[in-house]
Amino acid sequence: MSGEAVEHIALAGTVISFVTPSAAAVEQRLREVFCRRGRFFESAGAAFPMLSEDVTSLTLGVAHRLGAVRNEIVFGDALKRSTF
């Protein structure tokens, strides 16, 4: 992945599990909700046993775009001024 897109995936069907918490949980526990509970699977079928009302699977491209949107909302101008 680059800052702009997923550039290469070794297994084309790779997905990541994604917890869909309430907005309050996102603000208060982002690392716990996303980082600790996000898992990579070689396919949507392999992820299926882990899915529930609160957990879905996303393609890496969708997860990347969702992260970019979230970062823009939370960090906005700081990202634009950054020289990372």
PDB file of N, CA and C in Angstrom:
ATOM      1  N   MET A   1       0.837  -1.179   0.000  1.00  0.00           N
ATOM      2  CA  MET A   1       0.000   0.000   0.000  1.00  0.00           C
ATOM      3  C   MET A   1       0.878   1.236   0.000  1.00  0.00           C
ATOM      4  N   SER A   2       0.395   2.241  -0.631  1.00  0.00           N
ATOM      5  CA  SER A   2       1.042   3.545  -0.563  1.00  0.00           C
ATOM      6  C   SER A   2       0.053   4.478   0.117  1.00  0.00           C
ATOM      7  N   GLY A   3       0.396   5.728   0.190  1.00  0.00           N
ATOM      8  CA  GLY A   3      -0.544   6.684   0.754  1.00  0.00           C
ATOM      9  C   GLY A   3      -1.756   6.896  -0.123  1.00  0.00           C
ATOM     10  N   GLU A   4      -1.668   6.482  -1.383  1.00  0.00           N
ATOM     11  CA  GLU A   4      -2.751   6.739  -2.328  1.00  0.00           C
ATOM     12  C   GLU A   4      -3.623   5.526  -2.630  1.00  0.00           C
ATOM     13  N   ALA A   5      -3.064   4.321  -2.563  1.00  0.00           N
ATOM     14  CA  ALA A   5      -3.841   3.140  -2.969  1.00  0.00           C
ATOM     15  C   ALA A   5      -3.144   1.857  -2.559  1.00  0.00           C
ATOM     16  N   VAL A   6      -3.898   0.758  -2.626  1.00  0.00           N
ATOM     17  CA  VAL A   6      -3.314  -0.565  -2.471  1.00  0.00           C
ATOM     18  C   VAL A   6      -2.638  -0.879  -3.795  1.00  0.00           C
ATOM     19  N   GLU A   7      -1.342  -1.120  -3.762  1.00  0.00           N
ATOM     20  CA  GLU A   7      -0.596  -1.308  -5.005  1.00  0.00           C
ATOM     21  C   GLU A   7      -0.365  -2.766  -5.366  1.00  0.00           C
ATOM     22  N   HIS A   8      -0.283  -3.643  -4.372  1.00  0.00           N
ATOM     23  CA  HIS A   8      -0.027  -5.051  -4.657  1.00  0.00           C
ATOM     24  C   HIS A   8      -0.596  -5.901  -3.529  1.00  0.00           C
ATOM     25  N   ILE A   9      -1.292  -6.948  -3.896  1.00  0.00           N
ATOM     26  CA  ILE A   9      -1.816  -7.911  -2.930  1.00  0.00           C
ATOM     27  C   ILE A   9      -1.356  -9.283  -3.385  1.00  0.00           C
ATOM     28  N   ALA A  10      -0.625  -9.999  -2.542  1.00  0.00           N
ATOM     29  CA  ALA A  10      -0.112 -11.314  -2.916  1.00  0.00           C
ATOM     30  C   ALA A  10      -1.245 -12.293  -3.233  1.00  0.00           C
ATOM     31  N   LEU A  11      -2.294 -12.267  -2.435  1.00  0.00           N
ATOM     32  CA  LEU A  11      -3.468 -13.098  -2.682  1.00  0.00           C
ATOM     33  C   LEU A  11      -4.609 -12.171  -3.084  1.00  0.00           C
ATOM     34  N   ALA A  12      -5.063 -12.268  -4.306  1.00  0.00           N
ATOM     35  CA  ALA A  12      -6.035 -11.326  -4.867  1.00  0.00           C
ATOM     36  C   ALA A  12      -7.324 -11.205  -4.065  1.00  0.00           C
ATOM     37  N   GLY A  13      -7.739 -12.232  -3.361  1.00  0.00           N
ATOM     38  CA  GLY A  13      -9.000 -12.184  -2.623  1.00  0.00           C
ATOM     39  C   GLY A  13      -8.869 -11.742  -1.182  1.00  0.00           C
ATOM     40  N   THR A  14      -7.705 -11.244  -0.771  1.00  0.00           N
ATOM     41  CA  THR A  14      -7.464 -10.873   0.611  1.00  0.00           C
ATOM     42  C   THR A  14      -8.485  -9.848   1.106  1.00  0.00           C
ATOM     43  N   VAL A  15      -9.003 -10.077   2.313  1.00  0.00           N
ATOM     44  CA  VAL A  15      -9.921  -9.148   2.966  1.00  0.00           C
ATOM     45  C   VAL A  15      -9.410  -8.883   4.379  1.00  0.00           C
ATOM     46  N   ILE A  16      -9.947  -7.862   5.011  1.00  0.00           N
ATOM     47  CA  ILE A  16      -9.639  -7.555   6.404  1.00  0.00           C
ATOM     48  C   ILE A  16     -10.950  -7.486   7.164  1.00  0.00           C
ATOM     49  N   SER A  17     -10.960  -8.048   8.386  1.00  0.00           N
ATOM     50  CA  SER A  17     -12.169  -7.926   9.199  1.00  0.00           C
ATOM     51  C   SER A  17     -12.226  -6.503   9.724  1.00  0.00           C
ATOM     52  N   PHE A  18     -13.423  -5.989   9.885  1.00  0.00           N
ATOM     53  CA  PHE A  18     -13.597  -4.608  10.270  1.00  0.00           C
ATOM     54  C   PHE A  18     -14.746  -4.512  11.251  1.00  0.00           C
ATOM     55  N   VAL A  19     -14.455  -4.014  12.446  1.00  0.00           N
ATOM     56  CA  VAL A  19     -15.478  -3.839  13.471  1.00  0.00           C
ATOM     57  C   VAL A  19     -16.266  -2.584  13.142  1.00  0.00           C
ATOM     58  N   THR A  20     -17.566  -2.673  13.212  1.00  0.00           N
ATOM     59  CA  THR A  20     -18.426  -1.533  12.907  1.00  0.00           C
ATOM     60  C   THR A  20     -19.050  -1.008  14.199  1.00  0.00           C
ATOM     61  N   PRO A  21     -18.250  -0.298  15.005  1.00  0.00           N
ATOM     62  CA  PRO A  21     -18.725   0.168  16.308  1.00  0.00           C
ATOM     63  C   PRO A  21     -19.539   1.453  16.213  1.00  0.00           C
ATOM     64  N   SER A  22     -20.096   1.843  17.340  1.00  0.00           N
ATOM     65  CA  SER A  22     -20.814   3.117  17.404  1.00  0.00           C
ATOM     66  C   SER A  22     -19.820   4.259  17.257  1.00  0.00           C
ATOM     67  N   ALA A  23     -20.301   5.421  16.916  1.00  0.00           N
ATOM     68  CA  ALA A  23     -19.426   6.590  16.743  1.00  0.00           C
ATOM     69  C   ALA A  23     -18.666   6.900  18.022  1.00  0.00           C
ATOM     70  N   ALA A  24     -19.295   6.735  19.176  1.00  0.00           N
ATOM     71  CA  ALA A  24     -18.615   7.011  20.445  1.00  0.00           C
ATOM     72  C   ALA A  24     -17.438   6.071  20.641  1.00  0.00           C
ATOM     73  N   ALA A  25     -17.613   4.810  20.291  1.00  0.00           N
ATOM     74  CA  ALA A  25     -16.531   3.847  20.448  1.00  0.00           C
ATOM     75  C   ALA A  25     -15.371   4.186  19.528  1.00  0.00           C
ATOM     76  N   VAL A  26     -15.663   4.651  18.328  1.00  0.00           N
ATOM     77  CA  VAL A  26     -14.611   5.020  17.384  1.00  0.00           C
ATOM     78  C   VAL A  26     -13.758   6.136  17.968  1.00  0.00           C
ATOM     79  N   GLU A  27     -14.405   7.132  18.529  1.00  0.00           N
ATOM     80  CA  GLU A  27     -13.674   8.266  19.084  1.00  0.00           C
ATOM     81  C   GLU A  27     -12.870   7.869  20.310  1.00  0.00           C
ATOM     82  N   GLN A  28     -13.399   7.015  21.131  1.00  0.00           N
ATOM     83  CA  GLN A  28     -12.767   6.696  22.405  1.00  0.00           C
ATOM     84  C   GLN A  28     -11.775   5.534  22.318  1.00  0.00           C
ATOM     85  N   ARG A  29     -12.007   4.582  21.432  1.00  0.00           N
ATOM     86  CA  ARG A  29     -11.199   3.376  21.448  1.00  0.00           C
ATOM     87  C   ARG A  29     -10.792   2.941  20.048  1.00  0.00           C
ATOM     88  N   LEU A  30     -10.389   3.849  19.193  1.00  0.00           N
ATOM     89  CA  LEU A  30     -10.083   3.507  17.808  1.00  0.00           C
ATOM     90  C   LEU A  30      -9.044   2.394  17.708  1.00  0.00           C
ATOM     91  N   ARG A  31      -7.958   2.512  18.439  1.00  0.00           N
ATOM     92  CA  ARG A  31      -6.904   1.497  18.341  1.00  0.00           C
ATOM     93  C   ARG A  31      -7.437   0.127  18.759  1.00  0.00           C
ATOM     94  N   GLU A  32      -8.153   0.066  19.869  1.00  0.00           N
ATOM     95  CA  GLU A  32      -8.682  -1.218  20.320  1.00  0.00           C
ATOM     96  C   GLU A  32      -9.706  -1.774  19.334  1.00  0.00           C
ATOM     97  N   VAL A  33     -10.596  -0.918  18.858  1.00  0.00           N
ATOM     98  CA  VAL A  33     -11.674  -1.363  17.978  1.00  0.00           C
ATOM     99  C   VAL A  33     -11.145  -1.795  16.620  1.00  0.00           C
ATOM    100  N   PHE A  34     -10.242  -1.010  16.046  1.00  0.00           N
ATOM    101  CA  PHE A  34      -9.774  -1.331  14.700  1.00  0.00           C
ATOM    102  C   PHE A  34      -8.502  -2.164  14.706  1.00  0.00           C
ATOM    103  N   CYS A  35      -7.458  -1.648  15.276  1.00  0.00           N
ATOM    104  CA  CYS A  35      -6.144  -2.295  15.171  1.00  0.00           C
ATOM    105  C   CYS A  35      -6.091  -3.656  15.854  1.00  0.00           C
ATOM    106  N   ARG A  36      -6.611  -3.756  17.028  1.00  0.00           N
ATOM    107  CA  ARG A  36      -6.524  -5.019  17.763  1.00  0.00           C
ATOM    108  C   ARG A  36      -7.493  -6.072  17.248  1.00  0.00           C
ATOM    109  N   ARG A  37      -8.570  -5.658  16.616  1.00  0.00           N
ATOM    110  CA  ARG A  37      -9.563  -6.632  16.179  1.00  0.00           C
ATOM    111  C   ARG A  37      -9.600  -6.820  14.674  1.00  0.00           C
ATOM    112  N   GLY A  38      -8.855  -6.027  13.934  1.00  0.00           N
ATOM    113  CA  GLY A  38      -8.785  -6.196  12.487  1.00  0.00           C
ATOM    114  C   GLY A  38      -7.850  -7.354  12.150  1.00  0.00           C
ATOM    115  N   ARG A  39      -8.297  -8.279  11.349  1.00  0.00           N
ATOM    116  CA  ARG A  39      -7.492  -9.446  10.965  1.00  0.00           C
ATOM    117  C   ARG A  39      -7.519  -9.587   9.452  1.00  0.00           C
ATOM    118  N   PHE A  40      -6.407 -10.019   8.887  1.00  0.00           N
ATOM    119  CA  PHE A  40      -6.339 -10.274   7.459  1.00  0.00           C
ATOM    120  C   PHE A  40      -6.698 -11.726   7.185  1.00  0.00           C
ATOM    121  N   PHE A  41      -7.467 -11.962   6.128  1.00  0.00           N
ATOM    122  CA  PHE A  41      -7.862 -13.303   5.701  1.00  0.00           C
ATOM    123  C   PHE A  41      -7.584 -13.441   4.216  1.00  0.00           C
ATOM    124  N   GLU A  42      -7.271 -14.637   3.788  1.00  0.00           N
ATOM    125  CA  GLU A  42      -6.935 -14.845   2.379  1.00  0.00           C
ATOM    126  C   GLU A  42      -8.142 -14.730   1.458  1.00  0.00           C
ATOM    127  N   SER A  43      -9.344 -14.787   2.019  1.00  0.00           N
ATOM    128  CA  SER A  43     -10.553 -14.659   1.205  1.00  0.00           C
ATOM    129  C   SER A  43     -11.734 -14.292   2.095  1.00  0.00           C
ATOM    130  N   ALA A  44     -12.821 -13.846   1.473  1.00  0.00           N
ATOM    131  CA  ALA A  44     -14.033 -13.544   2.228  1.00  0.00           C
ATOM    132  C   ALA A  44     -14.582 -14.807   2.880  1.00  0.00           C
ATOM    133  N   GLY A  45     -14.433 -15.937   2.202  1.00  0.00           N
ATOM    134  CA  GLY A  45     -14.892 -17.207   2.771  1.00  0.00           C
ATOM    135  C   GLY A  45     -14.139 -17.576   4.035  1.00  0.00           C
ATOM    136  N   ALA A  46     -12.845 -17.317   4.049  1.00  0.00           N
ATOM    137  CA  ALA A  46     -12.036 -17.619   5.232  1.00  0.00           C
ATOM    138  C   ALA A  46     -12.413 -16.698   6.395  1.00  0.00           C
ATOM    139  N   ALA A  47     -12.864 -15.487   6.089  1.00  0.00           N
ATOM    140  CA  ALA A  47     -13.254 -14.528   7.127  1.00  0.00           C
ATOM    141  C   ALA A  47     -14.640 -14.826   7.683  1.00  0.00           C
ATOM    142  N   PHE A  48     -15.457 -15.535   6.926  1.00  0.00           N
ATOM    143  CA  PHE A  48     -16.864 -15.729   7.278  1.00  0.00           C
ATOM    144  C   PHE A  48     -17.100 -16.181   8.720  1.00  0.00           C
ATOM    145  N   PRO A  49     -16.345 -17.160   9.255  1.00  0.00           N
ATOM    146  CA  PRO A  49     -16.599 -17.591  10.638  1.00  0.00           C
ATOM    147  C   PRO A  49     -16.391 -16.489  11.678  1.00  0.00           C
ATOM    148  N   MET A  50     -15.644 -15.462  11.363  1.00  0.00           N
ATOM    149  CA  MET A  50     -15.369 -14.375  12.299  1.00  0.00           C
ATOM    150  C   MET A  50     -16.405 -13.251  12.221  1.00  0.00           C
ATOM    151  N   LEU A  51     -17.257 -13.273  11.215  1.00  0.00           N
ATOM    152  CA  LEU A  51     -18.205 -12.179  11.011  1.00  0.00           C
ATOM    153  C   LEU A  51     -19.376 -12.284  11.976  1.00  0.00           C
ATOM    154  N   SER A  52     -19.928 -11.128  12.327  1.00  0.00           N
ATOM    155  CA  SER A  52     -21.074 -11.061  13.229  1.00  0.00           C
ATOM    156  C   SER A  52     -21.814  -9.768  12.952  1.00  0.00           C
ATOM    157  N   GLU A  53     -22.751  -9.445  13.810  1.00  0.00           N
ATOM    158  CA  GLU A  53     -23.484  -8.193  13.655  1.00  0.00           C
ATOM    159  C   GLU A  53     -22.545  -6.986  13.709  1.00  0.00           C
ATOM    160  N   ASP A  54     -21.464  -7.104  14.481  1.00  0.00           N
ATOM    161  CA  ASP A  54     -20.533  -5.995  14.676  1.00  0.00           C
ATOM    162  C   ASP A  54     -19.256  -6.094  13.859  1.00  0.00           C
ATOM    163  N   VAL A  55     -19.078  -7.179  13.123  1.00  0.00           N
ATOM    164  CA  VAL A  55     -17.847  -7.385  12.362  1.00  0.00           C
ATOM    165  C   VAL A  55     -18.200  -7.750  10.925  1.00  0.00           C
ATOM    166  N   THR A  56     -17.597  -7.055   9.988  1.00  0.00           N
ATOM    167  CA  THR A  56     -17.792  -7.325   8.570  1.00  0.00           C
ATOM    168  C   THR A  56     -16.420  -7.544   7.944  1.00  0.00           C
ATOM    169  N   SER A  57     -16.381  -7.832   6.668  1.00  0.00           N
ATOM    170  CA  SER A  57     -15.090  -7.913   5.981  1.00  0.00           C
ATOM    171  C   SER A  57     -15.094  -6.907   4.838  1.00  0.00           C
ATOM    172  N   LEU A  58     -13.930  -6.340   4.604  1.00  0.00           N
ATOM    173  CA  LEU A  58     -13.758  -5.349   3.545  1.00  0.00           C
ATOM    174  C   LEU A  58     -12.592  -5.752   2.669  1.00  0.00           C
ATOM    175  N   THR A  59     -12.673  -5.441   1.393  1.00  0.00           N
ATOM    176  CA  THR A  59     -11.489  -5.621   0.555  1.00  0.00           C
ATOM    177  C   THR A  59     -10.450  -4.615   1.038  1.00  0.00           C
ATOM    178  N   LEU A  60      -9.190  -4.857   0.722  1.00  0.00           N
ATOM    179  CA  LEU A  60      -8.139  -3.951   1.174  1.00  0.00           C
ATOM    180  C   LEU A  60      -8.290  -2.565   0.558  1.00  0.00           C
ATOM    181  N   GLY A  61      -8.761  -2.507  -0.688  1.00  0.00           N
ATOM    182  CA  GLY A  61      -8.980  -1.214  -1.327  1.00  0.00           C
ATOM    183  C   GLY A  61     -10.037  -0.394  -0.606  1.00  0.00           C
ATOM    184  N   VAL A  62     -11.143  -1.029  -0.229  1.00  0.00           N
ATOM    185  CA  VAL A  62     -12.213  -0.332   0.490  1.00  0.00           C
ATOM    186  C   VAL A  62     -11.718   0.095   1.875  1.00  0.00           C
ATOM    187  N   ALA A  63     -11.002  -0.792   2.576  1.00  0.00           N
ATOM    188  CA  ALA A  63     -10.467  -0.454   3.896  1.00  0.00           C
ATOM    189  C   ALA A  63      -9.504   0.729   3.804  1.00  0.00           C
ATOM    190  N   HIS A  64      -8.682   0.748   2.763  1.00  0.00           N
ATOM    191  CA  HIS A  64      -7.741   1.849   2.572  1.00  0.00           C
ATOM    192  C   HIS A  64      -8.488   3.166   2.367  1.00  0.00           C
ATOM    193  N   ARG A  65      -9.514   3.147   1.520  1.00  0.00           N
ATOM    194  CA  ARG A  65     -10.294   4.365   1.271  1.00  0.00           C
ATOM    195  C   ARG A  65     -11.033   4.826   2.534  1.00  0.00           C
ATOM    196  N   LEU A  66     -11.594   3.875   3.281  1.00  0.00           N
ATOM    197  CA  LEU A  66     -12.294   4.205   4.518  1.00  0.00           C
ATOM    198  C   LEU A  66     -11.330   4.847   5.513  1.00  0.00           C
ATOM    199  N   GLY A  67     -10.130   4.299   5.631  1.00  0.00           N
ATOM    200  CA  GLY A  67      -9.129   4.889   6.518  1.00  0.00           C
ATOM    201  C   GLY A  67      -8.746   6.291   6.082  1.00  0.00           C
ATOM    202  N   ALA A  68      -8.616   6.501   4.783  1.00  0.00           N
ATOM    203  CA  ALA A  68      -8.261   7.829   4.268  1.00  0.00           C
ATOM    204  C   ALA A  68      -9.355   8.849   4.572  1.00  0.00           C
ATOM    205  N   VAL A  69     -10.620   8.446   4.404  1.00  0.00           N
ATOM    206  CA  VAL A  69     -11.739   9.343   4.698  1.00  0.00           C
ATOM    207  C   VAL A  69     -11.760   9.677   6.187  1.00  0.00           C
ATOM    208  N   ARG A  70     -11.594   8.667   7.021  1.00  0.00           N
ATOM    209  CA  ARG A  70     -11.596   8.883   8.471  1.00  0.00           C
ATOM    210  C   ARG A  70     -10.460   9.814   8.876  1.00  0.00           C
ATOM    211  N   ASN A  71      -9.274   9.593   8.330  1.00  0.00           N
ATOM    212  CA  ASN A  71      -8.137  10.445   8.668  1.00  0.00           C
ATOM    213  C   ASN A  71      -8.354  11.880   8.212  1.00  0.00           C
ATOM    214  N   GLU A  72      -8.974  12.051   7.066  1.00  0.00           N
ATOM    215  CA  GLU A  72      -9.274  13.404   6.579  1.00  0.00           C
ATOM    216  C   GLU A  72     -10.239  14.108   7.520  1.00  0.00           C
ATOM    217  N   ILE A  73     -11.245  13.390   7.981  1.00  0.00           N
ATOM    218  CA  ILE A  73     -12.225  13.972   8.901  1.00  0.00           C
ATOM    219  C   ILE A  73     -11.580  14.330  10.235  1.00  0.00           C
ATOM    220  N   VAL A  74     -10.781  13.417  10.779  1.00  0.00           N
ATOM    221  CA  VAL A  74     -10.195  13.622  12.098  1.00  0.00           C
ATOM    222  C   VAL A  74      -9.018  14.591  12.075  1.00  0.00           C
ATOM    223  N   PHE A  75      -8.134  14.451  11.066  1.00  0.00           N
ATOM    224  CA  PHE A  75      -6.894  15.212  11.071  1.00  0.00           C
ATOM    225  C   PHE A  75      -6.866  16.365  10.076  1.00  0.00           C
ATOM    226  N   GLY A  76      -7.756  16.357   9.090  1.00  0.00           N
ATOM    227  CA  GLY A  76      -7.942  17.432   8.132  1.00  0.00           C
ATOM    228  C   GLY A  76      -6.710  18.208   7.718  1.00  0.00           C
ATOM    229  N   ASP A  77      -6.653  19.441   8.145  1.00  0.00           N
ATOM    230  CA  ASP A  77      -5.582  20.342   7.732  1.00  0.00           C
ATOM    231  C   ASP A  77      -4.196  19.867   8.151  1.00  0.00           C
ATOM    232  N   ALA A  78      -4.099  19.162   9.261  1.00  0.00           N
ATOM    233  CA  ALA A  78      -2.789  18.680   9.713  1.00  0.00           C
ATOM    234  C   ALA A  78      -2.169  17.748   8.673  1.00  0.00           C
ATOM    235  N   LEU A  79      -2.973  16.933   8.020  1.00  0.00           N
ATOM    236  CA  LEU A  79      -2.462  16.050   6.985  1.00  0.00           C
ATOM    237  C   LEU A  79      -1.968  16.832   5.777  1.00  0.00           C
ATOM    238  N   LYS A  80      -2.680  17.886   5.435  1.00  0.00           N
ATOM    239  CA  LYS A  80      -2.307  18.694   4.280  1.00  0.00           C
ATOM    240  C   LYS A  80      -0.992  19.446   4.508  1.00  0.00           C
ATOM    241  N   ARG A  81      -0.739  19.830   5.763  1.00  0.00           N
ATOM    242  CA  ARG A  81       0.483  20.570   6.101  1.00  0.00           C
ATOM    243  C   ARG A  81       1.660  19.651   6.376  1.00  0.00           C
ATOM    244  N   SER A  82       1.411  18.361   6.508  1.00  0.00           N
ATOM    245  CA  SER A  82       2.432  17.417   6.917  1.00  0.00           C
ATOM    246  C   SER A  82       3.536  17.252   5.879  1.00  0.00           C
ATOM    247  N   THR A  83       4.735  16.998   6.353  1.00  0.00           N
ATOM    248  CA  THR A  83       5.875  16.704   5.476  1.00  0.00           C
ATOM    249  C   THR A  83       6.423  15.321   5.764  1.00  0.00           C
ATOM    250  N   PHE A  84       5.558  14.409   6.194  1.00  0.00           N
ATOM    251  CA  PHE A  84       5.991  13.033   6.516  1.00  0.00           C
ATOM    252  C   PHE A  84       6.687  12.404   5.367  1.00  0.00           C
TER     253      PHE A  84
END
